C-alpha atoms as a PDB file:
ATOM      1  CA  MET A   1       0.055  -0.266   0.121  1.00  0.00           C
ATOM      2  CA  ARG A   2       2.696   2.696   0.904  1.00  0.00           C
ATOM      3  CA  LYS A   3       4.009   1.529  -2.327  1.00  0.00           C
ATOM      4  CA  LYS A   4       1.425   2.405  -4.364  1.00  0.00           C
ATOM      5  CA  ARG A   5       1.029   5.921  -2.715  1.00  0.00           C
ATOM      6  CA  ILE A   6       4.212   6.507  -3.157  1.00  0.00           C
ATOM      7  CA  VAL A   7       4.072   5.781  -7.234  1.00  0.00           C
ATOM      8  CA  PHE A   8       0.930   7.567  -7.249  1.00  0.00           C
ATOM      9  CA  PHE A   9       2.226  10.503  -5.589  1.00  0.00           C
ATOM     10  CA  ALA A  10       5.571  10.666  -7.928  1.00  0.00           C
ATOM     11  CA  SER A  11       4.080  10.768 -10.960  1.00  0.00           C
ATOM     12  CA  LEU A  12       2.035  13.232  -9.487  1.00  0.00           C
ATOM     13  CA  LEU A  13       4.222  15.425  -9.125  1.00  0.00           C
ATOM     14  CA  LEU A  14       5.794  15.016 -12.874  1.00  0.00           C
ATOM     15  CA  PHE A  15       2.761  15.406 -14.195  1.00  0.00           C
ATOM     16  CA  THR A  16       1.747  18.433 -12.157  1.00  0.00           C
ATOM     17  CA  ILE A  17       5.200  20.062 -13.497  1.00  0.00           C
ATOM     18  CA  PHE A  18       4.771  18.720 -16.709  1.00  0.00           C
ATOM     19  CA  LEU A  19       2.177  20.734 -16.914  1.00  0.00           C
ATOM     20  CA  LYS A  20       3.503  23.896 -16.845  1.00  0.00           C
ATOM     21  CA  PHE A  21       4.331  23.334 -20.167  1.00  0.00           C
ATOM     22  CA  CYS A  22       1.872  21.597 -21.700  1.00  0.00           C
ATOM     23  CA  PHE A  23      -0.395  24.281 -21.187  1.00  0.00           C
ATOM     24  CA  ALA A  24       1.755  26.626 -23.274  1.00  0.00           C
ATOM     25  CA  GLY A  25       1.840  24.645 -25.963  1.00  0.00           C
ATOM     26  CA  ILE A  26      -1.824  22.663 -25.493  1.00  0.00           C
ATOM     27  CA  THR A  27      -5.186  24.377 -25.974  1.00  0.00           C
ATOM     28  CA  THR A  28      -8.361  24.051 -26.924  1.00  0.00           C
ATOM     29  CA  GLU A  29      -7.588  25.306 -30.538  1.00  0.00           C
ATOM     30  CA  ASN A  30      -4.738  23.920 -30.821  1.00  0.00           C
ATOM     31  CA  PRO A  31      -5.073  20.221 -29.324  1.00  0.00           C
ATOM     32  CA  LEU A  32      -1.765  17.663 -29.418  1.00  0.00           C
ATOM     33  CA  SER A  33      -2.519  15.040 -32.487  1.00  0.00           C
ATOM     34  CA  ILE A  34      -0.559  11.833 -32.968  1.00  0.00           C
ATOM     35  CA  GLY A  35       2.926  12.586 -33.981  1.00  0.00           C
ATOM     36  CA  GLN A  36       3.205  15.711 -32.127  1.00  0.00           C
ATOM     37  CA  THR A  37       5.256  15.980 -28.918  1.00  0.00           C
ATOM     38  CA  LEU A  38       6.159  18.954 -26.036  1.00  0.00           C
ATOM     39  CA  SER A  39       9.302  18.979 -24.660  1.00  0.00           C
ATOM     40  CA  SER A  40      10.220  20.503 -20.981  1.00  0.00           C
ATOM     41  CA  PRO A  41      11.785  24.200 -20.978  1.00  0.00           C
ATOM     42  CA  ASN A  42      14.734  22.069 -20.517  1.00  0.00           C
ATOM     43  CA  GLY A  43      15.016  20.070 -22.666  1.00  0.00           C
ATOM     44  CA  VAL A  44      14.894  16.848 -20.642  1.00  0.00           C
ATOM     45  CA  TYR A  45      10.969  15.531 -20.740  1.00  0.00           C
ATOM     46  CA  GLU A  46       8.886  14.941 -23.908  1.00  0.00           C
ATOM     47  CA  LEU A  47       5.190  14.358 -24.296  1.00  0.00           C
ATOM     48  CA  GLY A  48       3.079  12.798 -26.745  1.00  0.00           C
ATOM     49  CA  PHE A  49       1.796  10.146 -28.032  1.00  0.00           C
ATOM     50  CA  PHE A  50       3.533   6.688 -27.707  1.00  0.00           C
ATOM     51  CA  SER A  51       3.266   3.113 -28.763  1.00  0.00           C
ATOM     52  CA  PRO A  52       4.471   0.744 -26.664  1.00  0.00           C
ATOM     53  CA  ASN A  53       6.046  -2.666 -28.997  1.00  0.00           C
ATOM     54  CA  ASN A  54       4.442  -1.538 -32.173  1.00  0.00           C
ATOM     55  CA  SER A  55       1.117  -2.212 -31.163  1.00  0.00           C
ATOM     56  CA  GLN A  56      -1.738  -0.572 -32.263  1.00  0.00           C
ATOM     57  CA  ASN A  57      -2.457   0.654 -28.257  1.00  0.00           C
ATOM     58  CA  LEU A  58      -1.974   4.273 -28.179  1.00  0.00           C
ATOM     59  CA  TYR A  59      -1.195   6.026 -24.514  1.00  0.00           C
ATOM     60  CA  VAL A  60      -0.351   9.144 -23.915  1.00  0.00           C
ATOM     61  CA  GLY A  61       2.714   9.418 -21.914  1.00  0.00           C
ATOM     62  CA  ILE A  62       5.658  11.593 -20.610  1.00  0.00           C
ATOM     63  CA  TRP A  63       9.022  10.045 -21.082  1.00  0.00           C
ATOM     64  CA  PHE A  64      13.112  11.387 -21.066  1.00  0.00           C
ATOM     65  CA  LYS A  65      13.522  13.123 -24.390  1.00  0.00           C
ATOM     66  CA  ASP A  66      17.400  11.987 -25.287  1.00  0.00           C
ATOM     67  CA  ILE A  67      17.239   8.273 -23.468  1.00  0.00           C
ATOM     68  CA  THR A  68      17.154   5.654 -26.063  1.00  0.00           C
ATOM     69  CA  PRO A  69      15.232   3.294 -26.114  1.00  0.00           C
ATOM     70  CA  ARG A  70      11.943   5.518 -24.590  1.00  0.00           C
ATOM     71  CA  THR A  71      11.753   5.484 -20.960  1.00  0.00           C
ATOM     72  CA  VAL A  72       8.672   6.416 -20.396  1.00  0.00           C
ATOM     73  CA  VAL A  73       8.021   8.370 -16.588  1.00  0.00           C
ATOM     74  CA  TRP A  74       4.203   8.653 -16.443  1.00  0.00           C
ATOM     75  CA  VAL A  75       1.394   7.295 -18.830  1.00  0.00           C
ATOM     76  CA  ALA A  76      -2.146   9.286 -18.398  1.00  0.00           C
ATOM     77  CA  ASN A  77      -4.119   6.467 -19.884  1.00  0.00           C
ATOM     78  CA  ARG A  78      -2.733   3.257 -18.195  1.00  0.00           C
ATOM     79  CA  GLU A  79      -5.810   1.325 -18.393  1.00  0.00           C
ATOM     80  CA  SER A  80      -7.639   2.582 -21.099  1.00  0.00           C
ATOM     81  CA  PRO A  81      -5.615   2.682 -24.477  1.00  0.00           C
ATOM     82  CA  VAL A  82      -6.441   4.796 -27.456  1.00  0.00           C
ATOM     83  CA  THR A  83      -6.247   3.101 -30.712  1.00  0.00           C
ATOM     84  CA  ASP A  84      -7.802   5.889 -33.342  1.00  0.00           C
ATOM     85  CA  PRO A  85      -5.430   7.037 -35.407  1.00  0.00           C
ATOM     86  CA  THR A  86      -7.220  10.756 -35.203  1.00  0.00           C
ATOM     87  CA  ALA A  87      -6.970  10.732 -31.298  1.00  0.00           C
ATOM     88  CA  ARG A  88      -5.945  14.083 -29.922  1.00  0.00           C
ATOM     89  CA  LEU A  89      -5.028  16.006 -27.047  1.00  0.00           C
ATOM     90  CA  THR A  90      -6.484  18.544 -25.685  1.00  0.00           C
ATOM     91  CA  ILE A  91      -8.132  21.242 -22.843  1.00  0.00           C
ATOM     92  CA  SER A  92     -12.003  21.948 -22.374  1.00  0.00           C
ATOM     93  CA  SER A  93     -12.924  25.491 -21.682  1.00  0.00           C
ATOM     94  CA  ASN A  94     -12.472  24.346 -17.639  1.00  0.00           C
ATOM     95  CA  GLY A  95      -8.997  23.753 -18.282  1.00  0.00           C
ATOM     96  CA  SER A  96      -9.343  19.200 -18.073  1.00  0.00           C
ATOM     97  CA  LEU A  97      -7.379  17.784 -20.483  1.00  0.00           C
ATOM     98  CA  LEU A  98      -9.700  15.392 -22.861  1.00  0.00           C
ATOM     99  CA  LEU A  99      -8.308  13.228 -25.097  1.00  0.00           C
END
């Protein structure tokens, strides 16, 4: 249980930090599409869609930008992958992230 809390709060912290600069690039008029990414101000992290092991499933995640192979540190829709190749990540008028 304690380990789950640590993972949850670490994920929440990463997500909160990343949101700081995501809002500068994702708006209701400017969604993030598959193939597009946003980089953190210091260039360490990147946000975007990814498909592990060449599967049909797409996930929104944060990974280290310059580490190969890709090292994902956070996944938004781990339990609900997207299969629509036209999926977009956007922000609603009330500030919620929408996939």
